[in-house]
N, C-alpha and C. Protein backbone atom coordinates (compact mmCIF):
# COMPACT_ATOMS: atom_id res chain seq x y z
N MET A 1 107.06 161.99 127.64
CA MET A 1 107.85 161.41 128.70
C MET A 1 109.32 161.73 128.43
N ARG A 2 110.04 162.00 129.47
CA ARG A 2 111.46 162.33 129.31
C ARG A 2 112.26 161.10 128.93
N PHE A 3 113.41 161.36 128.32
CA PHE A 3 114.29 160.29 127.85
C PHE A 3 114.75 159.40 129.01
N ALA A 4 115.11 159.99 130.13
CA ALA A 4 115.61 159.21 131.28
C ALA A 4 114.53 158.29 131.83
N VAL A 5 113.30 158.75 131.86
CA VAL A 5 112.20 157.92 132.37
C VAL A 5 111.95 156.76 131.41
N ARG A 6 111.94 157.04 130.12
CA ARG A 6 111.74 155.96 129.14
C ARG A 6 112.86 154.93 129.22
N LEU A 7 114.08 155.40 129.35
CA LEU A 7 115.22 154.49 129.45
C LEU A 7 115.12 153.64 130.71
N ALA A 8 114.72 154.23 131.82
CA ALA A 8 114.56 153.47 133.06
C ALA A 8 113.47 152.41 132.93
N VAL A 9 112.36 152.76 132.30
CA VAL A 9 111.27 151.79 132.10
C VAL A 9 111.74 150.64 131.23
N VAL A 10 112.46 150.93 130.16
CA VAL A 10 112.97 149.88 129.27
C VAL A 10 113.93 148.96 130.02
N ILE A 11 114.81 149.53 130.84
CA ILE A 11 115.77 148.71 131.59
C ILE A 11 115.05 147.83 132.60
N VAL A 12 114.08 148.37 133.32
CA VAL A 12 113.33 147.57 134.31
C VAL A 12 112.57 146.44 133.63
N LEU A 13 111.92 146.72 132.51
CA LEU A 13 111.19 145.68 131.80
C LEU A 13 112.12 144.62 131.23
N ALA A 14 113.28 145.02 130.73
CA ALA A 14 114.25 144.05 130.20
C ALA A 14 114.79 143.16 131.32
N LEU A 15 115.06 143.73 132.48
CA LEU A 15 115.53 142.92 133.62
C LEU A 15 114.44 141.96 134.09
N ALA A 16 113.19 142.41 134.11
CA ALA A 16 112.09 141.53 134.51
C ALA A 16 111.95 140.38 133.52
N LEU A 17 112.07 140.66 132.23
CA LEU A 17 111.99 139.62 131.21
C LEU A 17 113.13 138.61 131.38
N CYS A 18 114.33 139.09 131.61
CA CYS A 18 115.47 138.18 131.83
C CYS A 18 115.26 137.33 133.08
N GLY A 19 114.74 137.92 134.14
CA GLY A 19 114.47 137.16 135.36
C GLY A 19 113.43 136.07 135.14
N LEU A 20 112.38 136.38 134.39
CA LEU A 20 111.37 135.37 134.09
C LEU A 20 111.94 134.24 133.23
N ALA A 21 112.81 134.58 132.29
CA ALA A 21 113.43 133.55 131.45
C ALA A 21 114.32 132.63 132.27
N VAL A 22 115.09 133.19 133.19
CA VAL A 22 115.95 132.37 134.06
C VAL A 22 115.10 131.48 134.96
N HIS A 23 114.03 132.02 135.52
CA HIS A 23 113.16 131.22 136.39
C HIS A 23 112.52 130.08 135.61
N TYR A 24 112.04 130.36 134.41
CA TYR A 24 111.43 129.32 133.58
C TYR A 24 112.43 128.21 133.27
N GLY A 25 113.63 128.59 132.89
CA GLY A 25 114.66 127.60 132.58
C GLY A 25 115.06 126.77 133.79
N ALA A 26 115.08 127.39 134.96
CA ALA A 26 115.50 126.68 136.16
C ALA A 26 114.44 125.69 136.65
N THR A 27 113.17 125.98 136.41
CA THR A 27 112.11 125.12 136.93
C THR A 27 111.42 124.27 135.87
N TYR A 28 111.89 124.31 134.63
CA TYR A 28 111.22 123.62 133.53
C TYR A 28 111.12 122.11 133.77
N ASP A 29 112.24 121.47 134.09
CA ASP A 29 112.24 120.01 134.26
C ASP A 29 111.38 119.58 135.44
N GLU A 30 111.32 120.39 136.50
CA GLU A 30 110.51 120.03 137.66
C GLU A 30 109.02 120.12 137.36
N GLN A 31 108.62 121.04 136.49
CA GLN A 31 107.21 121.25 136.19
C GLN A 31 106.69 120.36 135.07
N TRP A 32 107.57 119.78 134.26
CA TRP A 32 107.16 118.94 133.13
C TRP A 32 106.71 117.59 133.66
N PRO A 33 105.47 117.17 133.37
CA PRO A 33 104.95 115.94 133.97
C PRO A 33 105.43 114.64 133.33
N HIS A 34 106.14 114.71 132.22
CA HIS A 34 106.58 113.52 131.51
C HIS A 34 108.09 113.38 131.61
N PRO A 35 108.61 112.16 131.46
CA PRO A 35 110.06 111.99 131.57
C PRO A 35 110.80 112.63 130.39
N SER A 36 111.94 113.21 130.70
CA SER A 36 112.80 113.77 129.65
C SER A 36 113.75 112.68 129.17
N GLY A 37 114.54 113.00 128.17
CA GLY A 37 115.52 112.03 127.68
C GLY A 37 116.53 111.66 128.75
N ASP A 38 116.94 112.63 129.56
CA ASP A 38 117.87 112.35 130.66
C ASP A 38 117.26 111.38 131.67
N GLN A 39 115.99 111.60 132.01
CA GLN A 39 115.32 110.73 132.99
C GLN A 39 115.12 109.33 132.42
N LEU A 40 114.80 109.22 131.13
CA LEU A 40 114.67 107.89 130.51
C LEU A 40 116.00 107.15 130.52
N GLN A 41 117.07 107.86 130.27
CA GLN A 41 118.38 107.24 130.23
C GLN A 41 118.79 106.77 131.63
N ALA A 42 118.49 107.55 132.64
CA ALA A 42 118.90 107.21 134.01
C ALA A 42 118.04 106.11 134.61
N GLU A 43 116.74 106.20 134.45
CA GLU A 43 115.85 105.22 135.07
C GLU A 43 114.63 104.96 134.18
N TYR A 44 114.84 104.20 133.15
CA TYR A 44 113.79 103.87 132.18
C TYR A 44 112.64 103.13 132.86
N ASP A 45 112.98 102.20 133.75
CA ASP A 45 111.95 101.36 134.38
C ASP A 45 110.96 102.15 135.23
N ALA A 46 111.34 103.33 135.70
CA ALA A 46 110.43 104.13 136.52
C ALA A 46 109.24 104.65 135.71
N SER A 47 109.38 104.72 134.39
CA SER A 47 108.30 105.24 133.54
C SER A 47 107.53 104.15 132.82
N VAL A 48 107.93 102.89 132.99
CA VAL A 48 107.25 101.78 132.30
C VAL A 48 105.82 101.66 132.81
N GLY A 49 104.89 101.53 131.87
CA GLY A 49 103.48 101.37 132.22
C GLY A 49 102.74 102.68 132.39
N GLU A 50 103.41 103.80 132.24
CA GLU A 50 102.77 105.10 132.41
C GLU A 50 102.54 105.77 131.06
N GLN A 51 101.55 106.67 131.04
CA GLN A 51 101.31 107.50 129.86
C GLN A 51 102.40 108.56 129.80
N VAL A 52 103.11 108.62 128.69
CA VAL A 52 104.20 109.59 128.54
C VAL A 52 104.06 110.32 127.21
N LEU A 53 104.61 111.51 127.18
CA LEU A 53 104.72 112.29 125.95
C LEU A 53 106.19 112.42 125.64
N LEU A 54 106.60 111.89 124.50
CA LEU A 54 108.01 111.91 124.12
C LEU A 54 108.18 112.60 122.77
N PHE A 55 109.29 113.29 122.65
CA PHE A 55 109.70 113.90 121.39
C PHE A 55 110.87 113.08 120.86
N GLY A 56 110.82 112.71 119.60
CA GLY A 56 111.90 111.90 119.07
C GLY A 56 112.15 112.16 117.60
N THR A 57 113.37 111.82 117.19
CA THR A 57 113.76 111.91 115.79
C THR A 57 113.56 110.55 115.15
N VAL A 58 112.89 110.52 114.02
CA VAL A 58 112.59 109.26 113.34
C VAL A 58 113.88 108.68 112.77
N HIS A 59 114.13 107.41 113.11
CA HIS A 59 115.29 106.70 112.58
C HIS A 59 114.87 105.81 111.41
N GLU A 60 113.76 105.08 111.59
CA GLU A 60 113.19 104.24 110.54
C GLU A 60 111.68 104.38 110.58
N HIS A 61 111.06 104.40 109.39
CA HIS A 61 109.60 104.50 109.34
C HIS A 61 109.08 103.81 108.09
N ASP A 62 108.14 102.91 108.31
CA ASP A 62 107.42 102.28 107.21
C ASP A 62 105.98 102.17 107.67
N SER A 63 105.13 103.09 107.20
CA SER A 63 103.76 103.15 107.69
C SER A 63 102.93 101.94 107.29
N GLU A 64 103.39 101.16 106.32
CA GLU A 64 102.61 100.01 105.87
C GLU A 64 102.93 98.73 106.62
N THR A 65 104.19 98.51 106.95
CA THR A 65 104.57 97.19 107.45
C THR A 65 104.89 97.11 108.93
N GLY A 66 105.28 98.17 109.56
CA GLY A 66 105.69 97.96 110.94
C GLY A 66 105.87 99.21 111.74
N PRO A 67 106.53 99.05 112.87
CA PRO A 67 106.68 100.16 113.79
C PRO A 67 107.69 101.19 113.28
N THR A 68 107.61 102.35 113.88
CA THR A 68 108.55 103.43 113.61
C THR A 68 109.58 103.45 114.72
N VAL A 69 110.84 103.50 114.36
CA VAL A 69 111.91 103.57 115.36
C VAL A 69 112.27 105.04 115.55
N ILE A 70 112.17 105.52 116.80
CA ILE A 70 112.52 106.90 117.10
C ILE A 70 113.66 106.94 118.10
N HIS A 71 114.44 108.00 118.03
CA HIS A 71 115.52 108.24 118.98
C HIS A 71 115.12 109.42 119.85
N VAL A 72 115.04 109.18 121.16
CA VAL A 72 114.80 110.24 122.13
C VAL A 72 116.16 110.68 122.64
N THR A 73 116.43 111.98 122.59
CA THR A 73 117.75 112.47 122.98
C THR A 73 117.73 113.11 124.36
N ASP A 74 118.92 113.17 124.96
CA ASP A 74 119.05 113.81 126.27
C ASP A 74 119.50 115.26 126.08
N SER A 75 119.84 115.92 127.18
CA SER A 75 120.22 117.34 127.10
C SER A 75 121.53 117.56 126.36
N ALA A 76 122.38 116.53 126.26
CA ALA A 76 123.63 116.64 125.51
C ALA A 76 123.44 116.28 124.04
N ASP A 77 122.20 116.03 123.64
CA ASP A 77 121.82 115.68 122.27
C ASP A 77 122.39 114.33 121.83
N THR A 78 122.59 113.44 122.79
CA THR A 78 122.95 112.06 122.47
C THR A 78 121.72 111.19 122.64
N ILE A 79 121.71 110.04 122.02
CA ILE A 79 120.53 109.17 122.06
C ILE A 79 120.38 108.58 123.46
N ALA A 80 119.26 108.92 124.10
CA ALA A 80 118.98 108.42 125.45
C ALA A 80 118.17 107.14 125.39
N ALA A 81 117.31 107.01 124.39
CA ALA A 81 116.48 105.81 124.26
C ALA A 81 116.10 105.62 122.79
N GLU A 82 116.11 104.37 122.36
CA GLU A 82 115.63 104.01 121.03
C GLU A 82 114.36 103.21 121.24
N LEU A 83 113.26 103.71 120.71
CA LEU A 83 111.96 103.08 120.93
C LEU A 83 111.32 102.68 119.61
N GLU A 84 110.61 101.54 119.64
CA GLU A 84 109.78 101.14 118.51
C GLU A 84 108.36 101.58 118.83
N VAL A 85 107.82 102.43 117.98
CA VAL A 85 106.49 103.00 118.21
C VAL A 85 105.55 102.50 117.13
N THR A 86 104.44 101.91 117.53
CA THR A 86 103.41 101.50 116.58
C THR A 86 102.30 102.53 116.59
N GLY A 87 101.64 102.68 115.46
CA GLY A 87 100.49 103.58 115.39
C GLY A 87 100.77 104.89 114.68
N ILE A 88 101.99 105.12 114.20
CA ILE A 88 102.27 106.33 113.44
C ILE A 88 101.98 106.03 111.97
N THR A 89 100.91 106.63 111.47
CA THR A 89 100.47 106.32 110.11
C THR A 89 100.76 107.44 109.11
N ASP A 90 101.04 108.63 109.59
CA ASP A 90 101.32 109.75 108.68
C ASP A 90 102.70 109.59 108.06
N PRO A 91 102.88 110.12 106.85
CA PRO A 91 104.20 110.02 106.22
C PRO A 91 105.23 110.89 106.94
N VAL A 92 106.36 110.30 107.24
CA VAL A 92 107.47 111.02 107.86
C VAL A 92 108.76 110.35 107.42
N GLU A 93 109.74 111.15 107.05
CA GLU A 93 111.02 110.63 106.58
C GLU A 93 111.97 110.44 107.76
N PRO A 94 112.96 109.58 107.61
CA PRO A 94 114.01 109.51 108.63
C PRO A 94 114.66 110.89 108.78
N GLY A 95 114.84 111.31 110.02
CA GLY A 95 115.34 112.65 110.30
C GLY A 95 114.23 113.60 110.70
N GLY A 96 112.97 113.21 110.48
CA GLY A 96 111.84 114.03 110.90
C GLY A 96 111.64 113.92 112.40
N VAL A 97 110.86 114.83 112.95
CA VAL A 97 110.61 114.87 114.39
C VAL A 97 109.14 114.61 114.66
N VAL A 98 108.86 113.77 115.67
CA VAL A 98 107.49 113.44 116.04
C VAL A 98 107.31 113.62 117.55
N GLN A 99 106.06 113.89 117.94
CA GLN A 99 105.63 113.85 119.34
C GLN A 99 104.74 112.63 119.46
N VAL A 100 105.00 111.80 120.46
CA VAL A 100 104.23 110.57 120.62
C VAL A 100 103.70 110.52 122.05
N TYR A 101 102.40 110.24 122.18
CA TYR A 101 101.77 110.10 123.49
C TYR A 101 101.20 108.70 123.59
N GLY A 102 101.62 107.97 124.60
CA GLY A 102 101.13 106.61 124.78
C GLY A 102 101.76 105.96 125.99
N VAL A 103 101.49 104.66 126.15
CA VAL A 103 102.01 103.91 127.30
C VAL A 103 103.38 103.35 126.94
N LEU A 104 104.35 103.59 127.81
CA LEU A 104 105.71 103.10 127.62
C LEU A 104 105.80 101.67 128.13
N GLU A 105 106.31 100.76 127.31
CA GLU A 105 106.40 99.35 127.67
C GLU A 105 107.83 98.99 128.07
N ALA A 106 107.98 97.87 128.78
CA ALA A 106 109.28 97.44 129.30
C ALA A 106 110.24 97.03 128.19
N ASP A 107 109.74 96.54 127.08
CA ASP A 107 110.62 96.07 126.00
C ASP A 107 111.01 97.20 125.03
N ARG A 108 110.97 98.44 125.53
CA ARG A 108 111.33 99.63 124.76
C ARG A 108 110.45 99.80 123.52
N THR A 109 109.16 99.56 123.72
CA THR A 109 108.16 99.80 122.68
C THR A 109 107.10 100.73 123.24
N MET A 110 106.30 101.24 122.33
CA MET A 110 105.25 102.16 122.72
C MET A 110 104.16 102.12 121.66
N ASP A 111 102.91 102.04 122.09
CA ASP A 111 101.79 102.12 121.17
C ASP A 111 101.25 103.55 121.24
N ALA A 112 101.32 104.25 120.12
CA ALA A 112 100.95 105.67 120.11
C ALA A 112 99.44 105.83 120.19
N ASP A 113 98.95 106.39 121.29
CA ASP A 113 97.54 106.77 121.39
C ASP A 113 97.30 108.00 120.52
N GLN A 114 98.24 108.93 120.58
CA GLN A 114 98.19 110.13 119.76
C GLN A 114 99.61 110.44 119.30
N PHE A 115 99.71 111.06 118.14
CA PHE A 115 101.03 111.47 117.65
C PHE A 115 100.87 112.70 116.78
N VAL A 116 101.94 113.47 116.71
CA VAL A 116 101.98 114.66 115.86
C VAL A 116 103.31 114.65 115.14
N VAL A 117 103.26 114.82 113.83
CA VAL A 117 104.49 114.95 113.06
C VAL A 117 104.87 116.43 113.10
N VAL A 118 105.95 116.74 113.81
CA VAL A 118 106.41 118.12 113.94
C VAL A 118 107.13 118.55 112.67
N ASP A 119 108.11 117.78 112.25
CA ASP A 119 108.84 118.00 111.00
C ASP A 119 108.80 116.70 110.23
N ASP A 120 108.30 116.74 109.00
CA ASP A 120 108.18 115.49 108.24
C ASP A 120 109.48 115.04 107.61
N GLY A 121 110.51 115.83 107.71
CA GLY A 121 111.81 115.44 107.17
C GLY A 121 112.91 116.34 107.72
N PRO A 122 114.15 116.02 107.40
CA PRO A 122 115.26 116.80 107.95
C PRO A 122 115.34 118.22 107.40
N THR A 123 114.72 118.51 106.26
CA THR A 123 114.79 119.86 105.69
C THR A 123 113.63 120.75 106.13
N ALA A 124 112.68 120.22 106.87
CA ALA A 124 111.50 121.00 107.26
C ALA A 124 111.86 122.16 108.19
N THR A 125 112.81 121.96 109.08
CA THR A 125 113.20 123.02 110.00
C THR A 125 113.84 124.18 109.23
N THR A 126 114.68 123.87 108.26
CA THR A 126 115.31 124.91 107.45
C THR A 126 114.25 125.69 106.68
N TYR A 127 113.27 125.00 106.12
CA TYR A 127 112.20 125.66 105.39
C TYR A 127 111.42 126.60 106.31
N LYS A 128 111.08 126.13 107.52
CA LYS A 128 110.34 126.97 108.47
C LYS A 128 111.14 128.21 108.84
N LEU A 129 112.43 128.04 109.05
CA LEU A 129 113.28 129.16 109.43
C LEU A 129 113.37 130.19 108.31
N ILE A 130 113.58 129.74 107.09
CA ILE A 130 113.71 130.66 105.96
C ILE A 130 112.41 131.42 105.71
N THR A 131 111.27 130.73 105.74
CA THR A 131 110.00 131.42 105.51
C THR A 131 109.69 132.40 106.65
N SER A 132 110.08 132.07 107.87
CA SER A 132 109.87 133.00 108.99
C SER A 132 110.71 134.25 108.83
N VAL A 133 111.96 134.10 108.42
CA VAL A 133 112.84 135.26 108.22
C VAL A 133 112.29 136.15 107.11
N ILE A 134 111.83 135.55 106.02
CA ILE A 134 111.25 136.33 104.92
C ILE A 134 110.01 137.08 105.40
N GLY A 135 109.17 136.43 106.19
CA GLY A 135 107.98 137.09 106.73
C GLY A 135 108.32 138.25 107.64
N VAL A 136 109.33 138.09 108.48
CA VAL A 136 109.76 139.17 109.37
C VAL A 136 110.30 140.35 108.55
N ILE A 137 111.08 140.06 107.52
CA ILE A 137 111.62 141.13 106.67
C ILE A 137 110.48 141.92 106.02
N PHE A 138 109.47 141.23 105.50
CA PHE A 138 108.32 141.93 104.90
C PHE A 138 107.57 142.75 105.94
N ALA A 139 107.35 142.20 107.13
CA ALA A 139 106.62 142.92 108.16
C ALA A 139 107.38 144.17 108.62
N VAL A 140 108.67 144.05 108.82
CA VAL A 140 109.48 145.20 109.23
C VAL A 140 109.52 146.24 108.12
N GLY A 141 109.66 145.79 106.88
CA GLY A 141 109.67 146.72 105.75
C GLY A 141 108.35 147.48 105.63
N TYR A 142 107.24 146.78 105.80
CA TYR A 142 105.93 147.43 105.73
C TYR A 142 105.77 148.43 106.87
N PHE A 143 106.20 148.06 108.07
CA PHE A 143 106.11 148.96 109.22
C PHE A 143 106.96 150.21 108.98
N LEU A 144 108.19 150.02 108.52
CA LEU A 144 109.10 151.15 108.33
C LEU A 144 108.71 152.02 107.13
N ARG A 145 107.81 151.54 106.29
CA ARG A 145 107.33 152.36 105.18
C ARG A 145 106.46 153.51 105.71
N TYR A 146 105.76 153.28 106.81
CA TYR A 146 104.85 154.28 107.36
C TYR A 146 105.34 154.90 108.66
N TRP A 147 106.34 154.32 109.28
CA TRP A 147 106.87 154.82 110.55
C TRP A 147 108.38 154.93 110.45
N ARG A 148 108.95 155.84 111.24
CA ARG A 148 110.41 155.94 111.31
C ARG A 148 110.82 156.05 112.77
N LEU A 149 112.04 155.62 113.03
CA LEU A 149 112.58 155.64 114.38
C LEU A 149 113.07 157.03 114.71
N SER A 150 112.65 157.53 115.85
CA SER A 150 113.11 158.82 116.33
C SER A 150 114.00 158.56 117.54
N LEU A 151 115.30 158.68 117.34
CA LEU A 151 116.23 158.44 118.45
C LEU A 151 116.15 159.54 119.50
N ALA A 152 115.79 160.74 119.10
CA ALA A 152 115.69 161.85 120.05
C ALA A 152 114.56 161.60 121.05
N GLU A 153 113.46 161.02 120.58
CA GLU A 153 112.33 160.76 121.46
C GLU A 153 112.27 159.31 121.93
N LEU A 154 113.18 158.48 121.46
CA LEU A 154 113.23 157.06 121.78
C LEU A 154 111.87 156.41 121.49
N GLY A 155 111.43 156.58 120.27
CA GLY A 155 110.15 156.04 119.86
C GLY A 155 110.00 156.09 118.35
N PHE A 156 108.79 155.84 117.88
CA PHE A 156 108.49 155.88 116.46
C PHE A 156 107.55 157.04 116.19
N GLU A 157 107.68 157.59 115.00
CA GLU A 157 106.76 158.65 114.59
C GLU A 157 106.36 158.39 113.14
N PRO A 158 105.17 158.85 112.76
CA PRO A 158 104.71 158.58 111.40
C PRO A 158 105.55 159.32 110.38
N ARG A 159 105.73 158.68 109.25
CA ARG A 159 106.43 159.34 108.14
C ARG A 159 105.46 160.30 107.47
N THR A 160 105.97 161.38 106.94
CA THR A 160 105.13 162.31 106.19
C THR A 160 105.43 162.09 104.72
N HIS A 161 104.39 161.73 103.97
CA HIS A 161 104.51 161.46 102.54
C HIS A 161 104.00 162.66 101.76
N VAL A 162 104.65 162.98 100.69
CA VAL A 162 104.20 164.06 99.81
C VAL A 162 103.18 163.47 98.86
N SER A 163 101.95 163.98 98.92
CA SER A 163 100.91 163.46 98.03
C SER A 163 100.99 164.17 96.69
N SER A 164 100.35 163.61 95.69
CA SER A 164 100.40 164.18 94.34
C SER A 164 99.68 165.53 94.28
N GLN A 165 98.67 165.78 95.09
CA GLN A 165 97.95 167.05 95.07
C GLN A 165 98.79 168.17 95.64
N SER A 166 99.53 167.90 96.70
CA SER A 166 100.32 168.96 97.30
C SER A 166 101.58 169.24 96.49
N ALA A 167 101.93 168.37 95.57
CA ALA A 167 103.11 168.59 94.72
C ALA A 167 102.75 169.38 93.47
N GLY A 168 101.53 169.88 93.37
CA GLY A 168 101.15 170.70 92.22
C GLY A 168 100.41 169.95 91.14
N GLN A 169 100.15 168.70 91.30
CA GLN A 169 99.42 167.92 90.32
C GLN A 169 97.98 167.80 90.78
N SER A 170 97.08 168.37 90.04
CA SER A 170 95.69 168.35 90.42
C SER A 170 95.00 167.18 89.75
N THR A 171 94.22 166.46 90.53
CA THR A 171 93.45 165.35 89.97
C THR A 171 91.98 165.69 89.92
N ASP A 172 91.65 166.95 90.17
CA ASP A 172 90.27 167.38 90.19
C ASP A 172 89.73 167.46 88.76
N SER A 173 88.63 166.79 88.48
CA SER A 173 88.07 166.74 87.12
C SER A 173 87.36 168.04 86.75
N SER A 174 87.07 168.91 87.70
CA SER A 174 86.36 170.15 87.39
C SER A 174 87.26 171.18 86.71
N SER A 175 88.55 170.98 86.70
CA SER A 175 89.45 171.94 86.06
C SER A 175 89.52 171.76 84.55
N THR A 176 88.97 170.70 84.02
CA THR A 176 88.98 170.45 82.58
C THR A 176 87.67 170.96 82.00
N GLU A 177 87.78 171.85 81.00
CA GLU A 177 86.58 172.40 80.39
C GLU A 177 86.24 171.63 79.13
N VAL A 178 84.96 171.37 78.94
CA VAL A 178 84.48 170.71 77.74
C VAL A 178 83.57 171.71 77.02
N THR A 179 83.86 171.95 75.75
CA THR A 179 83.05 172.89 74.98
C THR A 179 82.29 172.16 73.88
N ASP A 180 81.23 172.81 73.36
CA ASP A 180 80.40 172.20 72.33
C ASP A 180 80.97 172.37 70.93
N ASP A 181 81.91 173.26 70.73
CA ASP A 181 82.38 173.52 69.38
C ASP A 181 83.47 172.57 68.92
N GLY A 182 83.77 171.56 69.66
CA GLY A 182 84.57 170.42 69.30
C GLY A 182 85.95 170.64 69.03
């Protein structure tokens, strides 16, 4: 394929990807069936008595004695609602992130029907990011060991490795003679 055709295909696909990302961002709040932090802050009473899925940062947690206090944030990352959630039994430190599904009550409480600990502490996100970067570096390094970028063809081509046999080193066992006279 010619360079101009490849470049045109890449540009069209990049523009389509950008358009899909803008559309997704513009319609996300309308398509999400549960209240966001902004909606809870504006009209909390509209969601009372309904099954909701909330994401929150743990403020206080004691799995043995009582409820977990979570902070649900709005789009400006300020606290939109502080809720006491019962039913979270997994260990999670203050600063950790949880997903809670349950019925929202009028007294700013919630009984968790289901919950997921996303980050068990404030350092979990950093750990995930660092291990992901290390994994990407290894994957790219492994790929580039066998392939190289060809700017002339706007693509990748296999690397040619010099093997030990073509460099004059024979590994053939038939070239060694064994005699009986020791």
